[in-house]
C-alpha atoms as a PDB file:
ATOM      1  CA  MET A   1       0.000   0.000   0.000  1.00  0.00           C
ATOM      2  CA  PHE A   2       1.159   3.561  -0.687  1.00  0.00           C
ATOM      3  CA  PHE A   3      -0.073   6.702   1.062  1.00  0.00           C
ATOM      4  CA  LYS A   4       0.447  10.386   0.273  1.00  0.00           C
ATOM      5  CA  GLN A   5      -0.824  13.365   2.254  1.00  0.00           C
ATOM      6  CA  ILE A   6      -1.033  16.534   0.146  1.00  0.00           C
ATOM      7  CA  GLU A   7      -1.194  19.947   1.825  1.00  0.00           C
ATOM      8  CA  SER A   8      -3.125  22.649  -0.008  1.00  0.00           C
ATOM      9  CA  LYS A   9      -2.960  26.421   0.128  1.00  0.00           C
ATOM     10  CA  VAL A  10      -6.153  26.733   2.212  1.00  0.00           C
ATOM     11  CA  SER A  11      -4.851  24.726   5.216  1.00  0.00           C
ATOM     12  CA  SER A  12      -6.628  21.702   3.774  1.00  0.00           C
ATOM     13  CA  LEU A  13      -5.194  18.199   3.730  1.00  0.00           C
ATOM     14  CA  ALA A  14      -5.956  15.869   0.840  1.00  0.00           C
ATOM     15  CA  TYR A  15      -4.932  12.268   0.244  1.00  0.00           C
ATOM     16  CA  LEU A  16      -3.883   9.832  -2.442  1.00  0.00           C
ATOM     17  CA  PHE A  17      -3.507   6.188  -1.448  1.00  0.00           C
ATOM     18  CA  GLY A  18      -4.050   2.745  -2.849  1.00  0.00           C
ATOM     19  CA  CYS A  19      -2.600  -0.546  -3.955  1.00  0.00           C
ATOM     20  CA  GLY A  20       0.685  -0.225  -5.794  1.00  0.00           C
ATOM     21  CA  SER A  21       0.867  -3.879  -6.790  1.00  0.00           C
ATOM     22  CA  GLU A  22      -2.514  -3.666  -8.548  1.00  0.00           C
ATOM     23  CA  GLY A  23      -1.932  -0.103  -9.807  1.00  0.00           C
ATOM     24  CA  LEU A  24      -5.105   1.385  -8.286  1.00  0.00           C
ATOM     25  CA  ALA A  25      -5.654   4.513  -6.204  1.00  0.00           C
ATOM     26  CA  VAL A  26      -8.205   6.666  -4.368  1.00  0.00           C
ATOM     27  CA  ALA A  27      -8.057  10.466  -4.052  1.00  0.00           C
ATOM     28  CA  VAL A  28      -9.797  12.193  -1.134  1.00  0.00           C
ATOM     29  CA  ASP A  29     -10.777  15.845  -0.505  1.00  0.00           C
ATOM     30  CA  VAL A  30      -8.995  17.318  -3.520  1.00  0.00           C
ATOM     31  CA  VAL A  31      -8.877  21.131  -3.615  1.00  0.00           C
ATOM     32  CA  ALA A  32      -9.535  22.931  -6.902  1.00  0.00           C
ATOM     33  CA  GLY A  33      -6.252  23.748  -8.616  1.00  0.00           C
ATOM     34  CA  ASP A  34      -4.485  20.654  -7.286  1.00  0.00           C
ATOM     35  CA  GLU A  35      -5.907  18.190  -9.817  1.00  0.00           C
ATOM     36  CA  LEU A  36      -2.775  17.980 -11.992  1.00  0.00           C
ATOM     37  CA  GLN A  37      -0.642  17.365  -8.918  1.00  0.00           C
ATOM     38  CA  PHE A  38      -2.725  14.271  -8.181  1.00  0.00           C
ATOM     39  CA  LEU A  39      -2.442  13.087 -11.770  1.00  0.00           C
ATOM     40  CA  ARG A  40       1.346  13.548 -11.711  1.00  0.00           C
ATOM     41  CA  GLU A  41       1.627  11.701  -8.413  1.00  0.00           C
ATOM     42  CA  ALA A  42      -0.486   8.850  -9.781  1.00  0.00           C
ATOM     43  CA  SER A  43       1.592   8.705 -12.956  1.00  0.00           C
ATOM     44  CA  ASN A  44       4.851   8.652 -10.984  1.00  0.00           C
ATOM     45  CA  ARG A  45       3.548   5.721  -8.946  1.00  0.00           C
ATOM     46  CA  LYS A  46       2.134   4.004 -12.062  1.00  0.00           C
ATOM     47  CA  VAL A  47      -1.363   3.796 -10.590  1.00  0.00           C
ATOM     48  CA  ARG A  48      -4.803   4.640 -11.932  1.00  0.00           C
ATOM     49  CA  ILE A  49      -7.200   6.718  -9.843  1.00  0.00           C
ATOM     50  CA  THR A  50     -10.505   4.823  -9.770  1.00  0.00           C
ATOM     51  CA  HIS A  51     -12.400   6.758  -7.082  1.00  0.00           C
ATOM     52  CA  VAL A  52     -12.357  10.420  -6.068  1.00  0.00           C
ATOM     53  CA  ILE A  53     -14.123  10.982  -2.744  1.00  0.00           C
ATOM     54  CA  ASP A  54     -15.121  14.121  -0.886  1.00  0.00           C
ATOM     55  CA  THR A  55     -15.761  13.463   2.800  1.00  0.00           C
ATOM     56  CA  HIS A  56     -18.498  16.147   2.653  1.00  0.00           C
ATOM     57  CA  VAL A  57     -19.604  19.174   0.647  1.00  0.00           C
ATOM     58  CA  HIS A  58     -16.937  21.708   1.568  1.00  0.00           C
ATOM     59  CA  ALA A  59     -17.785  25.230   2.709  1.00  0.00           C
ATOM     60  CA  ASP A  60     -14.298  26.763   2.917  1.00  0.00           C
ATOM     61  CA  HIS A  61     -12.865  25.886  -0.498  1.00  0.00           C
ATOM     62  CA  ILE A  62     -13.972  24.800  -3.941  1.00  0.00           C
ATOM     63  CA  SER A  63     -13.528  21.085  -4.477  1.00  0.00           C
ATOM     64  CA  GLY A  64     -11.429  19.739  -7.307  1.00  0.00           C
ATOM     65  CA  GLY A  65     -13.025  16.319  -6.944  1.00  0.00           C
ATOM     66  CA  ARG A  66     -15.307  16.363  -9.955  1.00  0.00           C
ATOM     67  CA  VAL A  67     -12.631  17.817 -12.247  1.00  0.00           C
ATOM     68  CA  LEU A  68     -10.090  15.212 -11.161  1.00  0.00           C
ATOM     69  CA  ALA A  69     -12.631  12.415 -11.583  1.00  0.00           C
ATOM     70  CA  ASP A  70     -13.327  13.585 -15.146  1.00  0.00           C
ATOM     71  CA  LEU A  71      -9.632  13.841 -15.981  1.00  0.00           C
ATOM     72  CA  ALA A  72      -8.838  10.441 -14.480  1.00  0.00           C
ATOM     73  CA  GLY A  73     -11.935   8.622 -15.734  1.00  0.00           C
ATOM     74  CA  ALA A  74     -12.812   7.859 -12.110  1.00  0.00           C
ATOM     75  CA  ARG A  75     -16.016   7.770 -10.061  1.00  0.00           C
ATOM     76  CA  TYR A  76     -16.767  10.922  -8.097  1.00  0.00           C
ATOM     77  CA  CYS A  77     -18.214   9.932  -4.718  1.00  0.00           C
ATOM     78  CA  LEU A  78     -20.115  11.558  -1.880  1.00  0.00           C
ATOM     79  CA  HIS A  79     -22.244  10.177   0.916  1.00  0.00           C
ATOM     80  CA  GLU A  80     -25.808   9.537  -0.237  1.00  0.00           C
ATOM     81  CA  ARG A  81     -27.183  12.393   1.911  1.00  0.00           C
ATOM     82  CA  ALA A  82     -25.270  15.039  -0.048  1.00  0.00           C
ATOM     83  CA  ARG A  83     -27.588  17.441  -1.850  1.00  0.00           C
ATOM     84  CA  THR A  84     -26.223  18.456  -5.233  1.00  0.00           C
ATOM     85  CA  CYS A  85     -27.492  19.450  -8.666  1.00  0.00           C
ATOM     86  CA  TYR A  86     -25.310  16.828 -10.377  1.00  0.00           C
ATOM     87  CA  PRO A  87     -25.167  13.039 -10.224  1.00  0.00           C
ATOM     88  CA  TYR A  88     -22.507  11.326  -8.140  1.00  0.00           C
ATOM     89  CA  PHE A  89     -21.685   7.815  -6.983  1.00  0.00           C
ATOM     90  CA  ALA A  90     -23.563   7.591  -3.689  1.00  0.00           C
ATOM     91  CA  LEU A  91     -21.849   5.923  -0.752  1.00  0.00           C
ATOM     92  CA  LYS A  92     -23.686   4.421   2.218  1.00  0.00           C
ATOM     93  CA  ASP A  93     -22.752   3.910   5.849  1.00  0.00           C
ATOM     94  CA  ASP A  94     -20.637   0.765   6.323  1.00  0.00           C
ATOM     95  CA  GLN A  95     -20.170   0.336   2.563  1.00  0.00           C
ATOM     96  CA  GLU A  96     -16.765  -0.947   1.474  1.00  0.00           C
ATOM     97  CA  ILE A  97     -14.749  -0.165  -1.639  1.00  0.00           C
ATOM     98  CA  THR A  98     -11.986  -2.603  -2.560  1.00  0.00           C
ATOM     99  CA  ILE A  99      -8.961  -1.167  -4.354  1.00  0.00           C
ATOM    100  CA  GLY A 100      -6.674  -4.117  -4.963  1.00  0.00           C
ATOM    101  CA  ASN A 101      -5.412  -5.109  -1.518  1.00  0.00           C
ATOM    102  CA  VAL A 102      -6.814  -1.947   0.074  1.00  0.00           C
ATOM    103  CA  VAL A 103     -10.286  -1.842   1.618  1.00  0.00           C
ATOM    104  CA  VAL A 104     -12.014   1.476   2.356  1.00  0.00           C
ATOM    105  CA  ARG A 105     -15.003   1.349   4.702  1.00  0.00           C
ATOM    106  CA  MET A 106     -17.375   4.304   4.883  1.00  0.00           C
ATOM    107  CA  LEU A 107     -18.434   5.610   8.301  1.00  0.00           C
ATOM    108  CA  HIS A 108     -21.308   8.096   8.153  1.00  0.00           C
ATOM    109  CA  THR A 109     -20.451  10.697  10.810  1.00  0.00           C
ATOM    110  CA  PRO A 110     -22.910  13.611  10.596  1.00  0.00           C
ATOM    111  CA  GLY A 111     -22.400  16.667  12.740  1.00  0.00           C
ATOM    112  CA  HIS A 112     -20.150  19.009  10.771  1.00  0.00           C
ATOM    113  CA  THR A 113     -22.551  18.483   7.864  1.00  0.00           C
ATOM    114  CA  ASP A 114     -25.408  16.056   7.295  1.00  0.00           C
ATOM    115  CA  GLU A 115     -23.408  14.020   4.778  1.00  0.00           C
ATOM    116  CA  SER A 116     -20.029  13.992   6.542  1.00  0.00           C
ATOM    117  CA  MET A 117     -18.225  10.677   6.559  1.00  0.00           C
ATOM    118  CA  CYS A 118     -14.906   9.201   7.609  1.00  0.00           C
ATOM    119  CA  LEU A 119     -12.941   6.582   5.667  1.00  0.00           C
ATOM    120  CA  LEU A 120     -11.583   3.596   7.588  1.00  0.00           C
ATOM    121  CA  VAL A 121      -8.731   2.048   5.589  1.00  0.00           C
ATOM    122  CA  SER A 122      -7.225  -1.436   5.809  1.00  0.00           C
ATOM    123  CA  ASP A 123      -4.451  -3.155   3.879  1.00  0.00           C
ATOM    124  CA  ARG A 124      -5.203  -6.857   3.514  1.00  0.00           C
ATOM    125  CA  ARG A 125      -1.521  -7.632   2.975  1.00  0.00           C
ATOM    126  CA  ARG A 126      -0.784  -6.085   6.358  1.00  0.00           C
ATOM    127  CA  GLY A 127      -3.669  -7.791   8.145  1.00  0.00           C
ATOM    128  CA  PRO A 128      -7.426  -7.511   8.716  1.00  0.00           C
ATOM    129  CA  ASP A 129      -7.304  -4.653  11.233  1.00  0.00           C
ATOM    130  CA  PRO A 130      -7.729  -1.049  10.026  1.00  0.00           C
ATOM    131  CA  TRP A 131      -4.523   0.897   9.543  1.00  0.00           C
ATOM    132  CA  PHE A 132      -5.799   4.482   9.596  1.00  0.00           C
ATOM    133  CA  VAL A 133      -8.918   6.614   9.304  1.00  0.00           C
ATOM    134  CA  LEU A 134      -9.404   9.770   7.235  1.00  0.00           C
ATOM    135  CA  THR A 135     -11.610  11.880   9.476  1.00  0.00           C
ATOM    136  CA  GLY A 136     -12.494  14.796   7.182  1.00  0.00           C
ATOM    137  CA  ASP A 137     -13.911  17.634   9.297  1.00  0.00           C
ATOM    138  CA  THR A 138     -15.444  15.329  11.913  1.00  0.00           C
ATOM    139  CA  LEU A 139     -12.350  14.866  14.091  1.00  0.00           C
ATOM    140  CA  LEU A 140      -9.346  17.150  13.729  1.00  0.00           C
ATOM    141  CA  VAL A 141      -6.010  17.134  15.528  1.00  0.00           C
ATOM    142  CA  GLY A 142      -6.690  19.076  18.713  1.00  0.00           C
ATOM    143  CA  ALA A 143     -10.309  19.876  17.884  1.00  0.00           C
ATOM    144  CA  VAL A 144     -13.577  18.611  16.471  1.00  0.00           C
ATOM    145  CA  GLY A 145     -15.534  19.950  13.506  1.00  0.00           C
ATOM    146  CA  ARG A 146     -17.687  23.051  13.809  1.00  0.00           C
ATOM    147  CA  PRO A 147     -21.443  22.336  13.893  1.00  0.00           C
ATOM    148  CA  ASP A 148     -22.999  25.594  12.693  1.00  0.00           C
ATOM    149  CA  LEU A 149     -22.656  25.613   8.908  1.00  0.00           C
ATOM    150  CA  ALA A 150     -26.167  24.247   8.344  1.00  0.00           C
ATOM    151  CA  GLY A 151     -27.660  26.829  10.709  1.00  0.00           C
ATOM    152  CA  ARG A 152     -28.765  24.194  13.241  1.00  0.00           C
ATOM    153  CA  GLU A 153     -25.757  24.293  15.551  1.00  0.00           C
ATOM    154  CA  ARG A 154     -27.187  22.619  18.654  1.00  0.00           C
ATOM    155  CA  GLU A 155     -28.851  19.862  16.636  1.00  0.00           C
ATOM    156  CA  MET A 156     -25.691  19.274  14.606  1.00  0.00           C
ATOM    157  CA  ALA A 157     -23.478  19.389  17.695  1.00  0.00           C
ATOM    158  CA  GLY A 158     -25.612  16.600  19.155  1.00  0.00           C
ATOM    159  CA  GLN A 159     -25.185  14.571  15.970  1.00  0.00           C
ATOM    160  CA  LEU A 160     -21.430  15.159  16.119  1.00  0.00           C
ATOM    161  CA  PHE A 161     -21.338  13.876  19.713  1.00  0.00           C
ATOM    162  CA  ASP A 162     -23.163  10.721  18.593  1.00  0.00           C
ATOM    163  CA  SER A 163     -20.821  10.251  15.621  1.00  0.00           C
ATOM    164  CA  LEU A 164     -17.749  10.556  17.824  1.00  0.00           C
ATOM    165  CA  GLN A 165     -19.053   8.334  20.603  1.00  0.00           C
ATOM    166  CA  ASP A 166     -20.778   5.691  18.483  1.00  0.00           C
ATOM    167  CA  LYS A 167     -18.345   5.477  15.568  1.00  0.00           C
ATOM    168  CA  LEU A 168     -14.852   6.909  15.976  1.00  0.00           C
ATOM    169  CA  LEU A 169     -14.274   6.407  19.693  1.00  0.00           C
ATOM    170  CA  LEU A 170     -15.121   2.726  19.369  1.00  0.00           C
ATOM    171  CA  LEU A 171     -12.035   2.260  17.191  1.00  0.00           C
ATOM    172  CA  PRO A 172      -8.614   1.214  18.611  1.00  0.00           C
ATOM    173  CA  ASN A 173      -6.487   3.837  20.368  1.00  0.00           C
ATOM    174  CA  THR A 174      -3.527   2.893  18.176  1.00  0.00           C
ATOM    175  CA  LEU A 175      -5.371   3.855  14.995  1.00  0.00           C
ATOM    176  CA  GLU A 176      -3.744   6.676  13.031  1.00  0.00           C
ATOM    177  CA  ILE A 177      -6.020   9.603  12.158  1.00  0.00           C
ATOM    178  CA  TYR A 178      -5.571  11.942   9.213  1.00  0.00           C
ATOM    179  CA  PRO A 179      -7.908  14.968   9.186  1.00  0.00           C
ATOM    180  CA  GLY A 180      -9.138  17.243   6.424  1.00  0.00           C
ATOM    181  CA  HIS A 181      -7.545  20.394   7.882  1.00  0.00           C
ATOM    182  CA  GLN A 182      -4.791  21.698  10.102  1.00  0.00           C
ATOM    183  CA  ALA A 183      -4.082  24.991  11.890  1.00  0.00           C
ATOM    184  CA  GLY A 184      -5.130  28.006   9.816  1.00  0.00           C
ATOM    185  CA  SER A 185      -8.444  26.510   8.744  1.00  0.00           C
ATOM    186  CA  VAL A 186     -11.772  27.941   9.927  1.00  0.00           C
ATOM    187  CA  CYS A 187     -13.427  24.512   9.984  1.00  0.00           C
ATOM    188  CA  GLY A 188     -12.687  24.017  13.685  1.00  0.00           C
ATOM    189  CA  ALA A 189     -11.474  26.000  16.691  1.00  0.00           C
ATOM    190  CA  GLY A 190      -8.065  25.273  18.218  1.00  0.00           C
ATOM    191  CA  LEU A 191      -6.676  23.087  15.437  1.00  0.00           C
ATOM    192  CA  SER A 192      -3.136  21.822  15.800  1.00  0.00           C
ATOM    193  CA  GLY A 193      -0.490  22.428  13.173  1.00  0.00           C
ATOM    194  CA  LYS A 194       0.322  18.728  13.349  1.00  0.00           C
ATOM    195  CA  PRO A 195      -1.162  16.992  10.290  1.00  0.00           C
ATOM    196  CA  SER A 196      -1.836  13.606  11.905  1.00  0.00           C
ATOM    197  CA  SER A 197      -2.342  11.934  15.260  1.00  0.00           C
ATOM    198  CA  THR A 198      -3.629   8.748  16.851  1.00  0.00           C
ATOM    199  CA  LEU A 199      -7.055   8.156  18.284  1.00  0.00           C
ATOM    200  CA  GLY A 200      -5.547   7.458  21.712  1.00  0.00           C
ATOM    201  CA  PHE A 201      -3.645  10.750  21.756  1.00  0.00           C
ATOM    202  CA  GLU A 202      -6.748  12.686  20.736  1.00  0.00           C
ATOM    203  CA  ARG A 203      -8.860  10.838  23.291  1.00  0.00           C
ATOM    204  CA  ARG A 204      -6.466  12.012  26.009  1.00  0.00           C
ATOM    205  CA  PHE A 205      -5.654  15.577  24.902  1.00  0.00           C
ATOM    206  CA  ASN A 206      -8.334  16.815  22.464  1.00  0.00           C
ATOM    207  CA  PRO A 207     -10.660  19.187  24.390  1.00  0.00           C
ATOM    208  CA  GLY A 208     -13.636  18.114  22.295  1.00  0.00           C
ATOM    209  CA  LEU A 209     -13.267  14.483  23.383  1.00  0.00           C
ATOM    210  CA  GLN A 210     -13.356  15.117  27.126  1.00  0.00           C
ATOM    211  CA  PHE A 211     -17.161  14.949  27.427  1.00  0.00           C
ATOM    212  CA  ASP A 212     -19.244  11.933  28.385  1.00  0.00           C
ATOM    213  CA  ASP A 213     -22.386  14.048  28.674  1.00  0.00           C
ATOM    214  CA  ARG A 214     -24.117  14.980  25.406  1.00  0.00           C
ATOM    215  CA  THR A 215     -25.593  18.269  26.668  1.00  0.00           C
ATOM    216  CA  ALA A 216     -22.256  19.399  28.108  1.00  0.00           C
ATOM    217  CA  PHE A 217     -20.589  18.683  24.759  1.00  0.00           C
ATOM    218  CA  ILE A 218     -23.270  20.666  22.888  1.00  0.00           C
ATOM    219  CA  ASP A 219     -22.856  23.605  25.261  1.00  0.00           C
ATOM    220  CA  TYR A 220     -19.078  23.504  24.843  1.00  0.00           C
ATOM    221  CA  LEU A 221     -19.139  23.280  21.067  1.00  0.00           C
ATOM    222  CA  THR A 222     -21.706  26.049  20.546  1.00  0.00           C
ATOM    223  CA  ARG A 223     -20.365  28.505  23.137  1.00  0.00           C
ATOM    224  CA  ASP A 224     -17.701  30.259  21.067  1.00  0.00           C
ATOM    225  CA  ILE A 225     -18.226  29.479  17.393  1.00  0.00           C
ATOM    226  CA  PRO A 226     -15.702  31.254  15.112  1.00  0.00           C
ATOM    227  CA  PRO A 227     -16.831  33.384  12.138  1.00  0.00           C
ATOM    228  CA  ARG A 228     -18.055  31.443   9.144  1.00  0.00           C
ATOM    229  CA  PRO A 229     -15.722  30.885   6.187  1.00  0.00           C
ATOM    230  CA  ALA A 230     -15.422  33.857   3.846  1.00  0.00           C
ATOM    231  CA  GLU A 231     -17.719  33.541   0.812  1.00  0.00           C
ATOM    232  CA  MET A 232     -19.237  30.375   2.269  1.00  0.00           C
ATOM    233  CA  GLU A 233     -22.481  30.651   0.310  1.00  0.00           C
ATOM    234  CA  ARG A 234     -20.644  31.102  -2.990  1.00  0.00           C
ATOM    235  CA  ILE A 235     -18.329  28.179  -2.285  1.00  0.00           C
ATOM    236  CA  ILE A 236     -21.155  25.812  -1.314  1.00  0.00           C
ATOM    237  CA  ALA A 237     -23.077  26.889  -4.428  1.00  0.00           C
ATOM    238  CA  ALA A 238     -20.045  26.102  -6.593  1.00  0.00           C
ATOM    239  CA  ASN A 239     -19.604  22.709  -4.903  1.00  0.00           C
ATOM    240  CA  THR A 240     -23.237  21.702  -5.431  1.00  0.00           C
ATOM    241  CA  ALA A 241     -24.047  23.302  -8.800  1.00  0.00           C
ATOM    242  CA  ALA A 242     -24.297  21.254 -11.990  1.00  0.00           C
END
């Protein structure tokens, strides 16, 4: 298995990974303008991108997912709850995509947005246990995703608590996590500049994971919400328009 984290100019983190022996790859959370970089990386590794996945409809940057999928002849994928004006390959909770020896399992984790999901990745040559999880804007290093972008912050904060408790925090402490953003992004408050972590480290030190009580978590997460991303409405419109 190969794995590449790609940092973008908007404090976003995107990913290219897959099965080198079978020559297949997945791209995740591609930012507009970075599409050729992904194609060059794939060409250098002699792999073909078969799936391009956005973990959610982004509000802080325009996605390059659809453009890359067209250029690569790949499927463009979102969770089935995403509302767009264009067709996409709809992914469901617990669905698996097999890319050679690599298995990607979808975890629907609403809270940041209705359609947010995390990608749990295993390498069958390494063993049956998951190796890492791409957490999008659900769980960040040092923070959790903001819940207000849909305008229902307390409701979404409650969904985020459930997603963390019922999905991510049931996974092993040793699991590596790779988020969709790092420090400098407006998609969470208090983000670390470190681009990866482990679930055990976040469980111990992440302020957003110190709550067993749902109401206390909601109060914490909605108390001091940062300003919304600049031009959020325009960006969401661009990411959902045909």
